[in-house]
Amino acid sequence: MKRNSPFPLLAAILAILGLTVAACGSDNSSPDPASLDAAVANYAAGVHSSYRVSLQSAMAMDAAIDAFVEAPGPASLKAARQAWLVARDDYGPTEAFRFYGGPIDDEATGTEGLINAWPLDEAYIDYVEGASGAGIVNDPDAFPVIDAGVLASLNEEGGEANVSTGWHAIEFLLWGQDLSLDGPGDRPFADYTTAPNADRRAAYLATASDLLVSHLRELVDAWAPGGGNYRAEFESAGRGEALRRMITGIGELSRGELAGERMNVAYSERSQEDEHSCFSDNTVSDIIGNARGIEMVLIGSYPGGVSGPGVLDLVREADADLAGKLKSEVSASLAAVRAIPSPFDRHLVDGVSDDDPGRRSVLAGIEALEAQTDTIVDAAEAIGVTINVS
């Protein structure tokens, strides 16, 4: 068939890919398609590498938990807690790979509620441990066997706060409730030796850790090269759709999730229960890790030695000034959250003035994350991608 001009066809192809052609005379220019492809490929490799690093440290945590369960004592409990903290810090940046219907957030098959859900109803955890009088059901022996299937079935049963799996269930089992403003929870190792339901509690801890490792392994497999998995679908969706997902993930994390759900809710409500890792006092590290994940996607540098073009490189091709602004704002938000004093719960106490330096530092972090989100949206538009973030 004879074509009068190649340009309508080119425009149609670019529209399908979710990209736009810069108008003649514009100060901006669209990134080169090869650059777009390289950024998408580097992201996919970086996500896979990041989850592999997270899995490796979670497996080390699992081994430390098994050692504690086998021989409960002060030293083995301390080692298990430290292994959780290390593994948690490796996981934190990976939250930037979410919020666009990927392997964790898919409505049909996602594992979001099983991995990182919070806050926890501590009475519900007590019930799963087997403690009577927890107020959940009348029969504390309703689930006589603790296994992965039971824990998964109980997760968020009857309410979102009824969390029985994932990072924070393990955290509570290791630290217990935090009743101090000067340090984390201090669950005694005797809860796993002579306390009521000690054997069941130990089985719960070991199984929850195994289950988390299993879910992280699923994420590694989902992003592995070779085809037949989520990564293959991601890379075949077209560069425009891939970029939309990449930037949606960091945009949604930046404001709606991190600045909002993970910081502002606890800050404004002065609620320790809404603090992210409230039992271990790891919340500030969680916040920093999430903010680092946003930076990773922008600069294209990931754990495990993966490095290449990132979103900022694409934006720089289209609008160097906008890229510079976004880079500065992300650096500022990282500096702001790193300046928040630990533990986070000190800033949530009733009676502490909003002018208190700690409270001001939390608000500064929130505001910096919110501000950069608008620039992330502008950056997406500069490279021809439209995102909607809360």
Protein backbone atom coordinates (compact mmCIF):
# COMPACT_ATOMS: atom_id res chain seq x y z
CA MET A 1 0.00 0.00 0.00
CA LYS A 2 1.37 3.41 -0.93
CA ARG A 3 1.93 5.85 1.92
CA ASN A 4 1.76 9.58 1.29
CA SER A 5 4.11 10.34 4.24
CA PRO A 6 5.91 8.29 6.95
CA PHE A 7 5.15 10.82 9.70
CA PRO A 8 1.51 9.90 10.48
CA LEU A 9 2.57 6.30 10.90
CA LEU A 10 5.50 7.32 13.10
CA ALA A 11 3.23 9.45 15.25
CA ALA A 12 0.78 6.58 15.63
CA ILE A 13 3.54 4.19 16.66
CA LEU A 14 4.88 6.65 19.23
CA ALA A 15 1.39 7.23 20.57
CA ILE A 16 0.93 3.50 21.09
CA LEU A 17 4.22 3.41 22.95
CA GLY A 18 3.06 6.20 25.24
CA LEU A 19 5.63 8.69 23.90
CA THR A 20 5.28 12.06 22.22
CA VAL A 21 7.19 13.88 19.54
CA ALA A 22 8.51 17.30 20.54
CA ALA A 23 7.00 20.11 18.52
CA CYS A 24 9.27 22.08 16.19
CA GLY A 25 10.68 25.08 17.94
CA SER A 26 10.27 23.61 21.43
CA ASP A 27 13.02 24.07 23.97
CA ASN A 28 12.62 20.39 24.90
CA SER A 29 13.56 17.32 22.87
CA SER A 30 12.36 13.76 23.34
CA PRO A 31 14.94 11.26 24.58
CA ASP A 32 16.50 9.01 22.00
CA PRO A 33 14.63 5.65 21.74
CA ALA A 34 17.88 3.80 22.40
CA SER A 35 18.26 5.75 25.65
CA LEU A 36 14.71 4.86 26.64
CA ASP A 37 15.31 1.18 25.98
CA ALA A 38 18.57 1.24 27.93
CA ALA A 39 16.89 2.87 30.94
CA VAL A 40 14.08 0.31 30.95
CA ALA A 41 16.55 -2.57 30.68
CA ASN A 42 18.73 -1.16 33.45
CA TYR A 43 15.69 -0.76 35.70
CA ALA A 44 14.62 -4.37 35.18
CA ALA A 45 18.14 -5.60 35.91
CA GLY A 46 18.36 -3.33 38.95
CA VAL A 47 15.06 -4.52 40.39
CA HIS A 48 16.15 -8.14 40.03
CA SER A 49 19.52 -7.43 41.63
CA SER A 50 17.92 -5.49 44.50
CA TYR A 51 15.53 -8.30 45.30
CA ARG A 52 18.40 -10.80 45.17
CA VAL A 53 20.30 -8.75 47.74
CA SER A 54 17.17 -8.55 49.89
CA LEU A 55 16.62 -12.30 49.62
CA GLN A 56 20.19 -13.06 50.63
CA SER A 57 19.99 -11.02 53.81
CA ALA A 58 16.54 -12.39 54.59
CA MET A 59 17.96 -15.91 54.32
CA ALA A 60 20.69 -14.91 56.78
CA MET A 61 17.96 -13.58 59.07
CA ASP A 62 16.06 -16.83 58.71
CA ALA A 63 19.15 -18.80 59.72
CA ALA A 64 19.65 -16.56 62.77
CA ILE A 65 16.00 -17.03 63.75
CA ASP A 66 16.31 -20.79 63.39
CA ALA A 67 19.39 -20.69 65.64
CA PHE A 68 17.48 -18.66 68.22
CA VAL A 69 14.48 -20.99 68.15
CA GLU A 70 16.80 -23.99 68.53
CA ALA A 71 18.63 -22.46 71.50
CA PRO A 72 16.81 -19.40 72.93
CA GLY A 73 19.03 -17.09 74.95
CA PRO A 74 20.16 -13.47 75.17
CA ALA A 75 22.92 -13.85 72.58
CA SER A 76 20.87 -15.75 70.02
CA LEU A 77 17.94 -13.33 70.42
CA LYS A 78 20.28 -10.36 69.90
CA ALA A 79 21.72 -12.02 66.79
CA ALA A 80 18.25 -12.66 65.35
CA ARG A 81 17.23 -9.06 65.96
CA GLN A 82 20.39 -7.72 64.34
CA ALA A 83 19.84 -9.97 61.33
CA TRP A 84 16.29 -8.60 60.99
CA LEU A 85 17.62 -5.02 61.04
CA VAL A 86 20.18 -5.78 58.32
CA ALA A 87 17.63 -7.57 56.16
CA ARG A 88 15.08 -4.83 56.68
CA ASP A 89 17.53 -2.18 55.48
CA ASP A 90 18.17 -4.19 52.31
CA TYR A 91 14.45 -4.51 51.67
CA GLY A 92 13.56 -0.83 52.26
CA PRO A 93 14.73 0.60 48.90
CA THR A 94 12.80 -2.06 46.97
CA GLU A 95 9.53 -0.37 47.95
CA ALA A 96 10.26 1.99 45.02
CA PHE A 97 9.45 -0.92 42.67
CA ARG A 98 5.80 -1.03 43.70
CA PHE A 99 2.46 0.77 43.35
CA TYR A 100 1.85 0.04 39.67
CA GLY A 101 0.26 -3.40 39.77
CA GLY A 102 3.49 -5.40 39.74
CA PRO A 103 4.18 -8.71 41.52
CA ILE A 104 3.53 -7.31 45.01
CA ASP A 105 0.53 -5.09 44.23
CA ASP A 106 -1.36 -7.10 41.62
CA GLU A 107 -4.96 -7.28 42.86
CA ALA A 108 -5.35 -10.95 41.99
CA THR A 109 -1.97 -12.46 42.81
CA GLY A 110 -0.03 -9.81 44.75
CA THR A 111 1.59 -10.42 48.12
CA GLU A 112 1.43 -6.85 49.51
CA GLY A 113 -0.46 -7.75 52.66
CA LEU A 114 1.79 -10.73 53.31
CA ILE A 115 5.15 -8.92 53.16
CA ASN A 116 5.07 -5.38 54.52
CA ALA A 117 1.62 -4.71 55.97
CA TRP A 118 1.22 -2.64 59.14
CA PRO A 119 0.08 -1.55 61.70
CA LEU A 120 -0.38 -4.73 63.70
CA ASP A 121 -3.14 -5.53 66.15
CA GLU A 122 -0.98 -6.95 68.90
CA ALA A 123 -3.95 -8.83 70.40
CA TYR A 124 -4.33 -10.62 67.07
CA ILE A 125 -0.69 -11.70 67.16
CA ASP A 126 -1.25 -12.95 70.69
CA TYR A 127 -4.20 -14.96 69.41
CA VAL A 128 -2.18 -16.54 66.62
CA GLU A 129 0.53 -17.33 69.18
CA GLY A 130 -2.15 -19.23 71.10
CA ALA A 131 -2.67 -16.92 74.05
CA SER A 132 -6.14 -17.16 75.55
CA GLY A 133 -8.23 -14.10 76.32
CA ALA A 134 -7.01 -12.23 73.26
CA GLY A 135 -10.55 -11.19 72.49
CA ILE A 136 -10.48 -12.42 68.90
CA VAL A 137 -12.33 -15.73 69.23
CA ASN A 138 -13.47 -17.85 72.12
CA ASP A 139 -11.35 -20.83 71.15
CA PRO A 140 -7.59 -20.16 71.39
CA ASP A 141 -6.94 -23.66 70.05
CA ALA A 142 -8.87 -23.05 66.81
CA PHE A 143 -5.61 -23.39 64.87
CA PRO A 144 -3.64 -26.11 66.66
CA VAL A 145 -0.97 -26.32 63.94
CA ILE A 146 1.18 -23.39 62.85
CA ASP A 147 2.29 -23.64 59.25
CA ALA A 148 2.69 -21.32 56.29
CA GLY A 149 -0.82 -21.99 55.02
CA VAL A 150 -2.39 -21.16 58.38
CA LEU A 151 -0.44 -17.92 58.75
CA ALA A 152 -1.27 -16.82 55.21
CA SER A 153 -4.96 -17.61 55.70
CA LEU A 154 -5.09 -15.66 58.95
CA ASN A 155 -3.35 -12.60 57.51
CA GLU A 156 -5.71 -9.60 57.61
CA GLU A 157 -8.60 -11.95 58.39
CA GLY A 158 -11.37 -9.77 59.79
CA GLY A 159 -9.47 -6.49 59.36
CA GLU A 160 -6.40 -4.85 57.82
CA ALA A 161 -4.72 -4.56 61.23
CA ASN A 162 -4.96 -8.32 61.76
CA VAL A 163 -1.54 -8.90 60.25
CA SER A 164 0.00 -12.30 60.90
CA THR A 165 2.85 -12.47 58.37
CA GLY A 166 5.71 -10.44 56.97
CA TRP A 167 8.35 -8.11 58.30
CA HIS A 168 6.31 -6.60 61.10
CA ALA A 169 4.88 -9.83 62.47
CA ILE A 170 8.45 -11.12 62.74
CA GLU A 171 9.50 -7.79 64.25
CA PHE A 172 6.85 -8.06 66.98
CA LEU A 173 7.77 -11.66 67.71
CA LEU A 174 11.41 -10.63 68.18
CA TRP A 175 10.99 -7.33 70.08
CA GLY A 176 7.49 -7.31 71.52
CA GLN A 177 5.60 -4.12 72.27
CA ASP A 178 7.68 -0.96 72.57
CA LEU A 179 6.80 0.69 75.88
CA SER A 180 9.83 2.99 76.04
CA LEU A 181 10.73 6.31 74.45
CA ASP A 182 14.42 5.54 74.87
CA GLY A 183 14.64 2.22 73.05
CA PRO A 184 12.77 -0.55 71.26
CA GLY A 185 10.66 -3.35 72.66
CA ASP A 186 12.35 -5.79 75.00
CA ARG A 187 10.64 -9.15 74.68
CA PRO A 188 12.39 -11.61 77.01
CA PHE A 189 13.88 -14.75 75.53
CA ALA A 190 11.88 -16.64 78.17
CA ASP A 191 8.84 -16.12 75.92
CA TYR A 192 10.44 -18.91 73.90
CA THR A 193 11.40 -21.18 76.79
CA THR A 194 9.22 -21.16 79.91
CA ALA A 195 6.38 -18.75 79.06
CA PRO A 196 2.93 -20.10 78.13
CA ASN A 197 2.71 -21.15 74.47
CA ALA A 198 6.49 -20.92 74.10
CA ASP A 199 6.66 -23.81 71.63
CA ARG A 200 3.83 -22.43 69.53
CA ARG A 201 5.38 -18.95 69.55
CA ALA A 202 8.68 -20.43 68.38
CA ALA A 203 6.94 -22.30 65.59
CA TYR A 204 5.18 -19.10 64.60
CA LEU A 205 8.41 -17.10 64.44
CA ALA A 206 10.27 -19.73 62.43
CA THR A 207 7.37 -20.23 60.02
CA ALA A 208 6.79 -16.51 59.49
CA SER A 209 10.47 -16.09 58.66
CA ASP A 210 10.37 -19.02 56.22
CA LEU A 211 7.28 -17.54 54.58
CA LEU A 212 8.89 -14.14 54.12
CA VAL A 213 11.92 -15.75 52.48
CA SER A 214 9.57 -17.65 50.18
CA HIS A 215 7.78 -14.47 49.14
CA LEU A 216 11.05 -12.64 48.48
CA ARG A 217 12.23 -15.58 46.38
CA GLU A 218 9.05 -15.22 44.33
CA LEU A 219 9.96 -11.59 43.66
CA VAL A 220 13.46 -12.58 42.54
CA ASP A 221 11.95 -15.14 40.18
CA ALA A 222 9.38 -12.64 38.89
CA TRP A 223 12.15 -10.25 37.81
CA ALA A 224 14.71 -12.82 36.63
CA PRO A 225 15.87 -12.62 33.01
CA GLY A 226 14.84 -15.37 30.65
CA GLY A 227 11.15 -14.89 29.96
CA GLY A 228 7.88 -16.35 31.15
CA ASN A 229 7.55 -14.04 34.17
CA TYR A 230 6.62 -10.49 35.17
CA ARG A 231 9.87 -9.05 33.84
CA ALA A 232 9.11 -10.44 30.39
CA GLU A 233 5.67 -8.81 30.47
CA PHE A 234 7.16 -5.55 31.76
CA GLU A 235 9.77 -5.37 29.01
CA SER A 236 7.32 -6.35 26.26
CA ALA A 237 4.67 -3.81 27.28
CA GLY A 238 6.41 -1.08 25.31
CA ARG A 239 8.90 1.49 26.50
CA GLY A 240 6.20 4.07 27.19
CA GLU A 241 4.25 1.73 29.48
CA ALA A 242 7.42 0.53 31.19
CA LEU A 243 8.46 4.10 31.90
CA ARG A 244 4.98 4.91 33.18
CA ARG A 245 5.25 2.09 35.69
CA MET A 246 8.78 3.01 36.74
CA ILE A 247 7.92 6.64 37.40
CA THR A 248 4.52 5.89 38.89
CA GLY A 249 6.26 3.68 41.46
CA ILE A 250 8.59 6.39 42.70
CA GLY A 251 5.95 9.11 42.46
CA GLU A 252 3.39 7.19 44.49
CA LEU A 253 5.97 6.16 47.06
CA SER A 254 7.29 9.71 47.36
CA ARG A 255 4.07 11.45 48.39
CA GLY A 256 1.03 9.24 48.94
CA GLU A 257 2.87 6.40 50.61
CA LEU A 258 6.07 7.64 52.28
CA ALA A 259 5.25 11.26 53.03
CA GLY A 260 1.62 10.35 53.66
CA GLU A 261 0.86 6.91 55.07
CA ARG A 262 4.28 6.20 56.54
CA MET A 263 5.12 9.61 57.99
CA ASN A 264 2.28 12.10 58.11
CA VAL A 265 -0.32 9.76 59.61
CA ALA A 266 1.88 8.98 62.61
CA TYR A 267 3.07 12.60 62.80
CA SER A 268 -0.34 14.23 62.66
CA GLU A 269 -2.11 11.66 64.84
CA ARG A 270 0.83 11.39 67.24
CA SER A 271 0.27 7.65 67.04
CA GLN A 272 3.05 5.19 67.77
CA GLU A 273 0.83 2.39 66.50
CA ASP A 274 0.89 3.99 63.05
CA GLU A 275 4.69 4.17 63.08
CA HIS A 276 6.13 1.84 60.48
CA SER A 277 8.61 -0.32 62.46
CA CYS A 278 7.40 0.65 65.90
CA PHE A 279 8.58 -2.43 67.83
CA SER A 280 12.25 -2.27 66.81
CA ASP A 281 12.52 1.54 66.55
CA ASN A 282 13.73 1.09 62.99
CA THR A 283 11.27 3.59 61.50
CA VAL A 284 13.80 6.30 60.60
CA SER A 285 15.93 3.71 58.79
CA ASP A 286 12.80 2.53 56.97
CA ILE A 287 12.09 6.07 55.81
CA ILE A 288 15.66 6.60 54.65
CA GLY A 289 15.64 3.27 52.80
CA ASN A 290 12.43 4.14 50.96
CA ALA A 291 13.81 7.55 49.99
CA ARG A 292 17.00 5.90 48.74
CA GLY A 293 14.88 3.64 46.53
CA ILE A 294 13.42 6.68 44.81
CA GLU A 295 16.93 8.01 44.18
CA MET A 296 18.06 4.62 42.84
CA VAL A 297 15.43 4.61 40.11
CA LEU A 298 16.23 8.19 39.17
CA ILE A 299 20.00 7.75 38.92
CA GLY A 300 19.97 4.14 37.69
CA SER A 301 22.28 2.71 40.37
CA TYR A 302 21.17 -0.39 42.30
CA PRO A 303 22.50 -2.83 44.92
CA GLY A 304 24.52 -5.72 43.59
CA GLY A 305 26.60 -3.63 41.21
CA VAL A 306 23.93 -2.83 38.61
CA SER A 307 24.40 0.65 37.19
CA GLY A 308 23.31 2.38 34.01
CA PRO A 309 20.99 5.04 32.64
CA GLY A 310 18.17 6.10 34.92
CA VAL A 311 15.13 8.32 34.67
CA LEU A 312 17.21 11.45 35.31
CA ASP A 313 19.32 10.72 32.23
CA LEU A 314 16.18 10.66 30.10
CA VAL A 315 14.87 13.86 31.63
CA ARG A 316 18.23 15.53 31.09
CA GLU A 317 17.98 14.80 27.35
CA ALA A 318 14.57 16.48 27.24
CA ASP A 319 15.05 19.31 29.75
CA ALA A 320 18.38 19.76 31.50
CA ASP A 321 17.07 22.42 33.87
CA LEU A 322 14.20 20.21 35.02
CA ALA A 323 16.60 17.31 35.55
CA GLY A 324 18.83 19.51 37.66
CA LYS A 325 15.87 20.66 39.74
CA LEU A 326 14.71 17.10 40.39
CA LYS A 327 18.21 15.94 41.30
CA SER A 328 18.53 18.80 43.80
CA GLU A 329 15.13 18.11 45.33
CA VAL A 330 15.83 14.41 45.77
CA SER A 331 19.16 15.19 47.40
CA ALA A 332 17.34 17.62 49.70
CA SER A 333 14.67 15.09 50.66
CA LEU A 334 17.29 12.48 51.47
CA ALA A 335 19.18 14.97 53.61
CA ALA A 336 15.93 15.91 55.36
CA VAL A 337 14.92 12.37 56.30
CA ARG A 338 18.46 11.53 57.36
CA ALA A 339 18.28 14.48 59.77
CA ILE A 340 15.30 12.99 61.67
CA PRO A 341 16.54 11.89 65.10
CA SER A 342 15.87 8.31 66.18
CA PRO A 343 13.79 6.90 67.66
CA PHE A 344 10.85 8.18 65.66
CA ASP A 345 8.33 7.64 68.47
CA ARG A 346 9.87 10.47 70.51
CA HIS A 347 8.36 12.89 68.00
CA LEU A 348 4.86 11.48 68.44
CA VAL A 349 4.40 12.09 72.16
CA ASP A 350 1.44 14.20 73.26
CA GLY A 351 2.64 17.49 74.64
CA VAL A 352 5.73 17.74 72.45
CA SER A 353 5.45 21.07 70.68
CA ASP A 354 5.34 21.25 66.90
CA ASP A 355 8.27 23.65 67.30
CA ASP A 356 10.35 20.90 68.87
CA PRO A 357 13.40 20.22 66.65
CA GLY A 358 12.44 16.57 66.23
CA ARG A 359 8.89 17.39 65.18
CA ARG A 360 10.19 20.04 62.80
CA SER A 361 12.60 17.56 61.24
CA VAL A 362 9.79 15.08 60.55
CA LEU A 363 7.66 17.80 58.95
CA ALA A 364 10.62 18.99 56.88
CA GLY A 365 11.05 15.47 55.53
CA ILE A 366 7.36 15.22 54.68
CA GLU A 367 7.36 18.56 52.89
CA ALA A 368 10.53 17.77 50.93
CA LEU A 369 9.07 14.47 49.71
CA GLU A 370 5.81 16.17 48.74
CA ALA A 371 7.64 18.90 46.84
CA GLN A 372 9.76 16.49 44.82
CA THR A 373 6.67 14.53 43.78
CA ASP A 374 5.35 17.44 41.71
CA THR A 375 8.69 17.59 39.95
CA ILE A 376 8.63 13.82 39.34
CA VAL A 377 5.27 14.31 37.60
CA ASP A 378 6.72 17.17 35.52
CA ALA A 379 9.74 15.03 34.65
CA ALA A 380 7.49 12.25 33.40
CA GLU A 381 5.64 14.69 31.17
CA ALA A 382 8.94 16.01 29.82
CA ILE A 383 9.73 12.57 28.40
CA GLY A 384 6.19 12.01 27.11
CA VAL A 385 4.74 9.96 29.96
CA THR A 386 1.63 10.82 31.95
CA ILE A 387 1.38 9.49 35.52
CA ASN A 388 -1.28 9.87 38.16
CA VAL A 389 -0.11 9.80 41.76
CA SER A 390 -1.88 10.58 45.01
